[in-house]
C-alpha atoms as a PDB file:
ATOM      1  CA  MET A   1      76.479 100.785 103.447  1.00  0.00           C
ATOM      2  CA  ASN A   2      76.870 103.118 100.485  1.00  0.00           C
ATOM      3  CA  PRO A   3      78.867 101.325  97.700  1.00  0.00           C
ATOM      4  CA  ALA A   4      81.439 104.145  97.520  1.00  0.00           C
ATOM      5  CA  LEU A   5      81.965 104.051 101.295  1.00  0.00           C
ATOM      6  CA  ARG A   6      82.289 100.259 101.124  1.00  0.00           C
ATOM      7  CA  ARG A   7      85.042 100.556  98.529  1.00  0.00           C
ATOM      8  CA  VAL A   8      86.859 103.212 100.580  1.00  0.00           C
ATOM      9  CA  TRP A   9      86.553 101.089 103.718  1.00  0.00           C
ATOM     10  CA  GLY A  10      87.841  98.041 101.843  1.00  0.00           C
ATOM     11  CA  LEU A  11      91.037  99.839 100.889  1.00  0.00           C
ATOM     12  CA  VAL A  12      91.447 101.302 104.386  1.00  0.00           C
ATOM     13  CA  TYR A  13      90.917  97.855 105.920  1.00  0.00           C
ATOM     14  CA  ARG A  14      93.624  96.401 103.690  1.00  0.00           C
ATOM     15  CA  HIS A  15      96.150  98.889 105.073  1.00  0.00           C
ATOM     16  CA  VAL A  16      94.920  98.613 108.662  1.00  0.00           C
ATOM     17  CA  SER A  17      95.405  94.834 108.425  1.00  0.00           C
ATOM     18  CA  LEU A  18      99.055  95.337 107.536  1.00  0.00           C
ATOM     19  CA  TYR A  19      99.611  97.247 110.789  1.00  0.00           C
ATOM     20  CA  ARG A  20      97.448  94.956 112.891  1.00  0.00           C
ATOM     21  CA  ARG A  21      99.657  91.998 111.989  1.00  0.00           C
ATOM     22  CA  SER A  22     103.037  93.749 112.181  1.00  0.00           C
ATOM     23  CA  TRP A  23     104.181  95.432 115.387  1.00  0.00           C
ATOM     24  CA  PRO A  24     107.374  96.800 113.721  1.00  0.00           C
ATOM     25  CA  ARG A  25     105.152  98.882 111.427  1.00  0.00           C
ATOM     26  CA  LEU A  26     103.358 100.345 114.450  1.00  0.00           C
ATOM     27  CA  VAL A  27     106.630 101.080 116.225  1.00  0.00           C
ATOM     28  CA  GLU A  28     107.938 102.823 113.091  1.00  0.00           C
ATOM     29  CA  LEU A  29     104.903 105.145 113.097  1.00  0.00           C
ATOM     30  CA  MET A  30     105.692 106.306 116.637  1.00  0.00           C
ATOM     31  CA  TYR A  31     109.494 106.193 116.478  1.00  0.00           C
ATOM     32  CA  TRP A  32     110.325 109.486 114.751  1.00  0.00           C
ATOM     33  CA  PRO A  33     107.699 111.705 116.460  1.00  0.00           C
ATOM     34  CA  VAL A  34     108.733 110.392 119.882  1.00  0.00           C
ATOM     35  CA  LEU A  35     112.444 110.756 119.076  1.00  0.00           C
ATOM     36  CA  GLN A  36     111.925 114.316 117.837  1.00  0.00           C
ATOM     37  CA  MET A  37     109.934 115.167 120.947  1.00  0.00           C
ATOM     38  CA  VAL A  38     112.603 113.763 123.287  1.00  0.00           C
ATOM     39  CA  VAL A  39     115.492 115.582 121.573  1.00  0.00           C
ATOM     40  CA  TRP A  40     113.672 118.923 121.327  1.00  0.00           C
ATOM     41  CA  GLY A  41     112.299 118.436 124.838  1.00  0.00           C
ATOM     42  CA  PHE A  42     115.829 118.316 126.235  1.00  0.00           C
ATOM     43  CA  ILE A  43     116.760 121.383 124.184  1.00  0.00           C
ATOM     44  CA  SER A  44     113.670 123.185 125.509  1.00  0.00           C
ATOM     45  CA  SER A  45     114.560 122.231 129.091  1.00  0.00           C
ATOM     46  CA  TYR A  46     118.056 123.617 128.559  1.00  0.00           C
ATOM     47  CA  ILE A  47     116.695 126.903 127.190  1.00  0.00           C
ATOM     48  CA  ALA A  48     114.217 127.170 130.073  1.00  0.00           C
ATOM     49  CA  GLY A  49     117.069 126.652 132.549  1.00  0.00           C
ATOM     50  CA  LEU A  50     119.126 129.489 131.039  1.00  0.00           C
ATOM     51  CA  GLN A  51     116.350 132.076 131.499  1.00  0.00           C
ATOM     52  CA  PRO A  52     113.668 130.859 133.907  1.00  0.00           C
ATOM     53  CA  GLY A  53     111.069 133.422 132.796  1.00  0.00           C
ATOM     54  CA  THR A  54     111.345 134.166 129.102  1.00  0.00           C
ATOM     55  CA  GLY A  55     113.199 130.934 128.421  1.00  0.00           C
ATOM     56  CA  THR A  56     110.343 128.808 129.779  1.00  0.00           C
ATOM     57  CA  ILE A  57     107.843 130.481 127.442  1.00  0.00           C
ATOM     58  CA  ALA A  58     110.196 130.143 124.461  1.00  0.00           C
ATOM     59  CA  ALA A  59     110.829 126.498 125.327  1.00  0.00           C
ATOM     60  CA  GLY A  60     107.096 125.804 125.373  1.00  0.00           C
ATOM     61  CA  ALA A  61     106.657 127.459 121.978  1.00  0.00           C
ATOM     62  CA  LEU A  62     109.562 125.419 120.594  1.00  0.00           C
ATOM     63  CA  LEU A  63     108.207 122.095 121.835  1.00  0.00           C
ATOM     64  CA  GLY A  64     104.707 122.966 120.617  1.00  0.00           C
ATOM     65  CA  ALA A  65     106.110 123.771 117.182  1.00  0.00           C
ATOM     66  CA  VAL A  66     107.918 120.418 116.999  1.00  0.00           C
ATOM     67  CA  LEU A  67     104.773 118.475 117.902  1.00  0.00           C
ATOM     68  CA  LEU A  68     102.510 120.373 115.496  1.00  0.00           C
ATOM     69  CA  TRP A  69     104.985 120.143 112.620  1.00  0.00           C
ATOM     70  CA  GLU A  70     104.963 116.373 113.108  1.00  0.00           C
ATOM     71  CA  VAL A  71     101.229 116.479 112.314  1.00  0.00           C
ATOM     72  CA  ALA A  72     101.967 117.938 108.855  1.00  0.00           C
ATOM     73  CA  LEU A  73     104.881 115.557 108.267  1.00  0.00           C
ATOM     74  CA  ARG A  74     102.980 112.434 109.335  1.00  0.00           C
ATOM     75  CA  SER A  75      99.921 113.506 107.333  1.00  0.00           C
ATOM     76  CA  GLN A  76     101.932 113.877 104.133  1.00  0.00           C
ATOM     77  CA  MET A  77     103.966 110.722 104.675  1.00  0.00           C
ATOM     78  CA  GLY A  78     100.942 108.705 105.737  1.00  0.00           C
ATOM     79  CA  PHE A  79      99.169 109.535 102.478  1.00  0.00           C
ATOM     80  CA  ALA A  80     102.175 109.117 100.188  1.00  0.00           C
ATOM     81  CA  LEU A  81     103.519 105.937 101.806  1.00  0.00           C
ATOM     82  CA  SER A  82     100.103 104.260 101.743  1.00  0.00           C
ATOM     83  CA  PHE A  83     100.051 104.949  98.000  1.00  0.00           C
ATOM     84  CA  LEU A  84     103.581 103.567  97.666  1.00  0.00           C
ATOM     85  CA  GLU A  85     102.483 100.395  99.496  1.00  0.00           C
ATOM     86  CA  GLU A  86     100.115  99.760  96.581  1.00  0.00           C
ATOM     87  CA  ILE A  87     102.964 100.240  94.107  1.00  0.00           C
ATOM     88  CA  TRP A  88     105.488  98.105  96.000  1.00  0.00           C
ATOM     89  CA  SER A  89     102.992  95.242  96.266  1.00  0.00           C
ATOM     90  CA  ARG A  90     102.180  95.542  92.542  1.00  0.00           C
ATOM     91  CA  ASN A  91      98.567  96.106  93.555  1.00  0.00           C
ATOM     92  CA  LEU A  92      97.728  99.442  91.911  1.00  0.00           C
ATOM     93  CA  GLY A  93      96.597  97.928  88.635  1.00  0.00           C
ATOM     94  CA  HIS A  94      94.509  95.335  90.469  1.00  0.00           C
ATOM     95  CA  VAL A  95      92.836  98.036  92.555  1.00  0.00           C
ATOM     96  CA  PHE A  96      91.637  99.842  89.458  1.00  0.00           C
ATOM     97  CA  VAL A  97      90.337  96.695  87.807  1.00  0.00           C
ATOM     98  CA  SER A  98      87.721  96.951  90.569  1.00  0.00           C
ATOM     99  CA  PRO A  99      85.000  99.645  90.508  1.00  0.00           C
ATOM    100  CA  LEU A 100      87.173 101.870  92.735  1.00  0.00           C
ATOM    101  CA  ARG A 101      87.267 105.466  91.488  1.00  0.00           C
ATOM    102  CA  PRO A 102      90.276 107.808  91.824  1.00  0.00           C
ATOM    103  CA  ARG A 103      88.446 110.059  94.294  1.00  0.00           C
ATOM    104  CA  GLU A 104      87.688 106.997  96.436  1.00  0.00           C
ATOM    105  CA  LEU A 105      91.369 106.058  96.396  1.00  0.00           C
ATOM    106  CA  VAL A 106      92.176 109.592  97.566  1.00  0.00           C
ATOM    107  CA  ALA A 107      89.545 109.369 100.317  1.00  0.00           C
ATOM    108  CA  ALA A 108      91.030 106.061 101.521  1.00  0.00           C
ATOM    109  CA  LEU A 109      94.568 107.478 101.497  1.00  0.00           C
ATOM    110  CA  MET A 110      93.384 110.529 103.450  1.00  0.00           C
ATOM    111  CA  SER A 111      91.736 108.227 106.003  1.00  0.00           C
ATOM    112  CA  MET A 112      94.954 106.258 106.377  1.00  0.00           C
ATOM    113  CA  SER A 113      96.840 109.527 106.715  1.00  0.00           C
ATOM    114  CA  VAL A 114      94.643 110.541 109.666  1.00  0.00           C
ATOM    115  CA  LEU A 115      95.055 107.147 111.361  1.00  0.00           C
ATOM    116  CA  ARG A 116      98.822 107.075 110.881  1.00  0.00           C
ATOM    117  CA  THR A 117      99.126 110.653 112.149  1.00  0.00           C
ATOM    118  CA  LEU A 118      97.114 109.934 115.297  1.00  0.00           C
ATOM    119  CA  VAL A 119      99.092 106.763 116.055  1.00  0.00           C
ATOM    120  CA  GLY A 120     102.372 108.599 115.519  1.00  0.00           C
ATOM    121  CA  VAL A 121     101.762 111.971 117.144  1.00  0.00           C
ATOM    122  CA  LEU A 122      99.436 111.311 120.108  1.00  0.00           C
ATOM    123  CA  PRO A 123     102.006 109.147 121.988  1.00  0.00           C
ATOM    124  CA  ALA A 124     104.609 111.899 121.489  1.00  0.00           C
ATOM    125  CA  MET A 125     102.185 114.483 122.888  1.00  0.00           C
ATOM    126  CA  PHE A 126     101.425 112.261 125.857  1.00  0.00           C
ATOM    127  CA  LEU A 127     105.122 111.758 126.605  1.00  0.00           C
ATOM    128  CA  ALA A 128     105.736 115.514 126.273  1.00  0.00           C
ATOM    129  CA  TRP A 129     103.198 116.013 129.053  1.00  0.00           C
ATOM    130  CA  VAL A 130     104.693 113.206 131.192  1.00  0.00           C
ATOM    131  CA  PHE A 131     108.378 114.134 130.749  1.00  0.00           C
ATOM    132  CA  TYR A 132     108.285 117.910 130.381  1.00  0.00           C
ATOM    133  CA  GLY A 133     104.891 118.965 131.733  1.00  0.00           C
ATOM    134  CA  PHE A 134     103.962 120.443 128.348  1.00  0.00           C
ATOM    135  CA  GLY A 135     100.356 119.884 127.288  1.00  0.00           C
ATOM    136  CA  LEU A 136      99.557 121.054 123.766  1.00  0.00           C
ATOM    137  CA  PHE A 137      95.847 120.502 124.403  1.00  0.00           C
ATOM    138  CA  ALA A 138      96.032 123.231 127.064  1.00  0.00           C
ATOM    139  CA  LEU A 139      95.620 125.639 124.145  1.00  0.00           C
ATOM    140  CA  GLY A 140      91.957 124.640 124.104  1.00  0.00           C
ATOM    141  CA  PRO A 141      89.627 123.649 121.256  1.00  0.00           C
ATOM    142  CA  VAL A 142      91.650 125.746 118.780  1.00  0.00           C
ATOM    143  CA  ILE A 143      94.242 122.966 118.758  1.00  0.00           C
ATOM    144  CA  VAL A 144      91.777 120.855 116.752  1.00  0.00           C
ATOM    145  CA  ALA A 145      91.671 123.588 114.092  1.00  0.00           C
ATOM    146  CA  PHE A 146      95.488 123.654 114.010  1.00  0.00           C
ATOM    147  CA  PHE A 147      95.519 119.878 113.573  1.00  0.00           C
ATOM    148  CA  VAL A 148      93.003 119.938 110.726  1.00  0.00           C
ATOM    149  CA  ALA A 149      94.775 122.785 108.899  1.00  0.00           C
ATOM    150  CA  LEU A 150      98.098 120.927 109.022  1.00  0.00           C
ATOM    151  CA  LEU A 151      96.473 117.643 107.974  1.00  0.00           C
ATOM    152  CA  MET A 152      94.976 119.362 104.929  1.00  0.00           C
ATOM    153  CA  MET A 153      98.314 120.880 103.988  1.00  0.00           C
ATOM    154  CA  GLY A 154      99.933 117.453 104.289  1.00  0.00           C
ATOM    155  CA  TRP A 155      97.284 115.998 101.965  1.00  0.00           C
ATOM    156  CA  ALA A 156      97.870 118.707  99.364  1.00  0.00           C
ATOM    157  CA  VAL A 157     101.631 118.139  99.348  1.00  0.00           C
ATOM    158  CA  ALA A 158     101.114 114.355  99.260  1.00  0.00           C
ATOM    159  CA  LEU A 159      98.781 114.660  96.256  1.00  0.00           C
ATOM    160  CA  LEU A 160     101.499 116.563  94.397  1.00  0.00           C
ATOM    161  CA  VAL A 161     104.125 113.985  95.376  1.00  0.00           C
ATOM    162  CA  THR A 162     101.805 111.188  94.250  1.00  0.00           C
ATOM    163  CA  SER A 163     101.290 113.007  90.952  1.00  0.00           C
ATOM    164  CA  LEU A 164     105.054 113.098  90.428  1.00  0.00           C
ATOM    165  CA  ILE A 165     105.266 109.364  91.156  1.00  0.00           C
ATOM    166  CA  LEU A 166     102.519 108.701  88.617  1.00  0.00           C
ATOM    167  CA  ARG A 167     104.416 110.786  86.065  1.00  0.00           C
ATOM    168  CA  HIS A 168     108.036 109.772  86.757  1.00  0.00           C
ATOM    169  CA  GLY A 169     107.718 106.409  88.510  1.00  0.00           C
ATOM    170  CA  ALA A 170     110.285 105.118  90.984  1.00  0.00           C
ATOM    171  CA  GLY A 171     112.570 108.101  90.395  1.00  0.00           C
ATOM    172  CA  ALA A 172     110.201 110.330  92.377  1.00  0.00           C
ATOM    173  CA  GLU A 173     109.634 107.978  95.323  1.00  0.00           C
ATOM    174  CA  ALA A 174     112.275 109.657  97.505  1.00  0.00           C
ATOM    175  CA  LEU A 175     110.149 112.813  97.535  1.00  0.00           C
ATOM    176  CA  ALA A 176     107.636 111.012  99.755  1.00  0.00           C
ATOM    177  CA  TRP A 177     110.131 111.371 102.634  1.00  0.00           C
ATOM    178  CA  SER A 178     111.842 114.644 101.818  1.00  0.00           C
ATOM    179  CA  VAL A 179     109.616 117.197 100.114  1.00  0.00           C
ATOM    180  CA  LEU A 180     107.918 118.652 103.196  1.00  0.00           C
ATOM    181  CA  PHE A 181     111.241 119.062 105.003  1.00  0.00           C
ATOM    182  CA  GLY A 182     112.192 121.464 102.209  1.00  0.00           C
ATOM    183  CA  LEU A 183     109.316 123.730 103.224  1.00  0.00           C
ATOM    184  CA  THR A 184     110.394 123.872 106.885  1.00  0.00           C
ATOM    185  CA  PRO A 185     112.593 127.032 106.594  1.00  0.00           C
ATOM    186  CA  PHE A 186     109.704 128.955 105.000  1.00  0.00           C
ATOM    187  CA  SER A 187     106.886 127.631 107.200  1.00  0.00           C
ATOM    188  CA  ALA A 188     107.765 129.689 110.306  1.00  0.00           C
ATOM    189  CA  VAL A 189     107.786 126.544 112.426  1.00  0.00           C
ATOM    190  CA  PHE A 190     110.365 127.637 115.004  1.00  0.00           C
ATOM    191  CA  TYR A 191     110.379 131.409 114.513  1.00  0.00           C
ATOM    192  CA  PRO A 192     107.963 134.165 113.423  1.00  0.00           C
ATOM    193  CA  VAL A 193     107.565 135.124 109.770  1.00  0.00           C
ATOM    194  CA  ALA A 194     109.072 138.521 110.658  1.00  0.00           C
ATOM    195  CA  VAL A 195     112.468 136.841 111.189  1.00  0.00           C
ATOM    196  CA  LEU A 196     112.685 135.950 107.492  1.00  0.00           C
ATOM    197  CA  PRO A 197     114.116 138.391 104.935  1.00  0.00           C
ATOM    198  CA  VAL A 198     111.482 140.793 103.647  1.00  0.00           C
ATOM    199  CA  TRP A 199     111.498 139.260 100.168  1.00  0.00           C
ATOM    200  CA  LEU A 200     110.839 135.787 101.619  1.00  0.00           C
ATOM    201  CA  GLN A 201     107.951 136.794 103.850  1.00  0.00           C
ATOM    202  CA  PRO A 202     105.301 136.697 101.058  1.00  0.00           C
ATOM    203  CA  VAL A 203     106.498 133.170 100.230  1.00  0.00           C
ATOM    204  CA  ALA A 204     106.043 132.124 103.871  1.00  0.00           C
ATOM    205  CA  LEU A 205     102.593 133.698 104.069  1.00  0.00           C
ATOM    206  CA  ALA A 206     101.510 131.652 101.033  1.00  0.00           C
ATOM    207  CA  ILE A 207     102.151 128.465 103.042  1.00  0.00           C
ATOM    208  CA  PRO A 208      99.257 127.351 105.312  1.00  0.00           C
ATOM    209  CA  ALA A 209     101.611 126.092 108.028  1.00  0.00           C
ATOM    210  CA  ALA A 210     103.103 129.568 108.546  1.00  0.00           C
ATOM    211  CA  HIS A 211      99.691 130.870 109.601  1.00  0.00           C
ATOM    212  CA  VAL A 212      99.136 127.873 111.877  1.00  0.00           C
ATOM    213  CA  PHE A 213     102.404 128.457 113.720  1.00  0.00           C
ATOM    214  CA  GLU A 214     101.841 132.204 113.939  1.00  0.00           C
ATOM    215  CA  GLY A 215      98.481 131.337 115.507  1.00  0.00           C
ATOM    216  CA  MET A 216     100.067 128.805 117.864  1.00  0.00           C
ATOM    217  CA  ARG A 217     102.591 131.363 119.119  1.00  0.00           C
ATOM    218  CA  ALA A 218      99.824 133.934 119.621  1.00  0.00           C
ATOM    219  CA  ALA A 219      97.886 131.404 121.708  1.00  0.00           C
ATOM    220  CA  LEU A 220     100.926 130.320 123.746  1.00  0.00           C
ATOM    221  CA  LEU A 221     102.663 133.659 124.223  1.00  0.00           C
ATOM    222  CA  ASP A 222      99.796 136.167 124.198  1.00  0.00           C
ATOM    223  CA  GLY A 223      96.866 134.000 125.219  1.00  0.00           C
ATOM    224  CA  HIS A 224      94.576 134.931 122.321  1.00  0.00           C
ATOM    225  CA  ILE A 225      93.371 133.189 119.163  1.00  0.00           C
ATOM    226  CA  ALA A 226      94.602 134.764 115.930  1.00  0.00           C
ATOM    227  CA  TRP A 227      91.441 134.216 113.904  1.00  0.00           C
ATOM    228  CA  GLY A 228      92.906 135.996 110.884  1.00  0.00           C
ATOM    229  CA  HIS A 229      95.793 133.533 110.659  1.00  0.00           C
ATOM    230  CA  LEU A 230      93.449 130.586 111.177  1.00  0.00           C
ATOM    231  CA  ALA A 231      91.135 131.744 108.385  1.00  0.00           C
ATOM    232  CA  ALA A 232      94.125 132.326 106.086  1.00  0.00           C
ATOM    233  CA  ALA A 233      95.441 128.814 106.816  1.00  0.00           C
ATOM    234  CA  PHE A 234      92.157 127.171 105.821  1.00  0.00           C
ATOM    235  CA  ALA A 235      91.725 129.375 102.735  1.00  0.00           C
ATOM    236  CA  LEU A 236      95.233 128.468 101.547  1.00  0.00           C
ATOM    237  CA  ASP A 237      94.600 124.798 102.343  1.00  0.00           C
ATOM    238  CA  ALA A 238      91.493 124.872 100.147  1.00  0.00           C
ATOM    239  CA  MET A 239      93.447 126.486  97.306  1.00  0.00           C
ATOM    240  CA  TRP A 240      96.384 124.071  97.648  1.00  0.00           C
ATOM    241  CA  LEU A 241      94.046 121.068  97.703  1.00  0.00           C
ATOM    242  CA  ALA A 242      92.133 122.273  94.646  1.00  0.00           C
ATOM    243  CA  ILE A 243      95.355 122.719  92.652  1.00  0.00           C
ATOM    244  CA  ALA A 244      96.855 119.446  93.879  1.00  0.00           C
ATOM    245  CA  SER A 245      93.649 117.523  93.093  1.00  0.00           C
ATOM    246  CA  TRP A 246      93.579 118.918  89.565  1.00  0.00           C
ATOM    247  CA  VAL A 247      97.228 117.970  89.004  1.00  0.00           C
ATOM    248  CA  PHE A 248      96.647 114.498  90.470  1.00  0.00           C
ATOM    249  CA  MET A 249      93.647 113.794  88.209  1.00  0.00           C
ATOM    250  CA  ARG A 250      95.562 114.887  85.108  1.00  0.00           C
ATOM    251  CA  GLN A 251      98.534 112.688  85.990  1.00  0.00           C
ATOM    252  CA  PHE A 252      96.299 109.763  86.924  1.00  0.00           C
ATOM    253  CA  GLU A 253      94.469 109.908  83.596  1.00  0.00           C
ATOM    254  CA  GLY A 254      97.813 110.183  81.797  1.00  0.00           C
ATOM    255  CA  ALA A 255      99.143 107.125  83.652  1.00  0.00           C
ATOM    256  CA  ARG A 256      95.989 105.192  82.814  1.00  0.00           C
ATOM    257  CA  VAL A 257      96.286 106.039  79.107  1.00  0.00           C
ATOM    258  CA  ARG A 258      99.980 105.063  79.055  1.00  0.00           C
ATOM    259  CA  GLY A 259      99.300 101.839  80.937  1.00  0.00           C
ATOM    260  CA  ALA A 260     101.677 102.991  83.656  1.00  0.00           C
ATOM    261  CA  LEU A 261      99.382 101.856  86.488  1.00  0.00           C
ATOM    262  CA  LEU A 262     100.529  98.280  85.858  1.00  0.00           C
ATOM    263  CA  ASN A 263     104.295  98.886  85.821  1.00  0.00           C
ATOM    264  CA  ILE A 264     104.784 102.157  87.696  1.00  0.00           C
ATOM    265  CA  GLY A 265     107.151 100.614  90.262  1.00  0.00           C
ATOM    266  CA  GLU A 266     109.534  99.205  87.654  1.00  0.00           C
END
């Protein structure tokens, strides 16, 4: 195996072992996505019952939005919380005594983000199909593109959160849970971008998730793939990731020079 891949796998295996030996950790991964799906599923059923025609379509779009937004949330949290696990266990300094490079750490955290997202979101999607007859995969192969675009956005936000933790220490840890929720009103998750005030619409269109959810609604409501929105989502993801990676590397080098990698959790 390539030495870099071996180092990435070693870090991933460390985190996987934590979940393999602790069922409460696994339950926690699934708890919030399933809870969100159940609550919004009942709301969607209520809306569908009020207006059997239009309400059913709107309910499907609402439940689809909840499930897809969980992909972005779990992606960001999976990355950031895996990094925080290294801090809480006082292991970050030890990790970088090894030959592990920063980009390999990022690759391992991204891998853990994907695993945590799949474990958290797939059961919720399955239960949405069982309880409410809503299958997100009925959208076809484009759903994979939606998943990937939201995963990439989650990584970009998580890199920025991690950079803040490297810079400000424990004072920034709360952002690992809250920062992406602050983007929800501008990400067009539950409503089209056109609903927002005109001056806010350019802000929404600069967020990759807004294009993903515009594309999801086009697929659900109109039955066509909005390729323009999909291309815009991936272009913005690439730009966000490039900026976030640059910020992360600067903050990482600063933390290394200050010796903060050894006492960042204090």
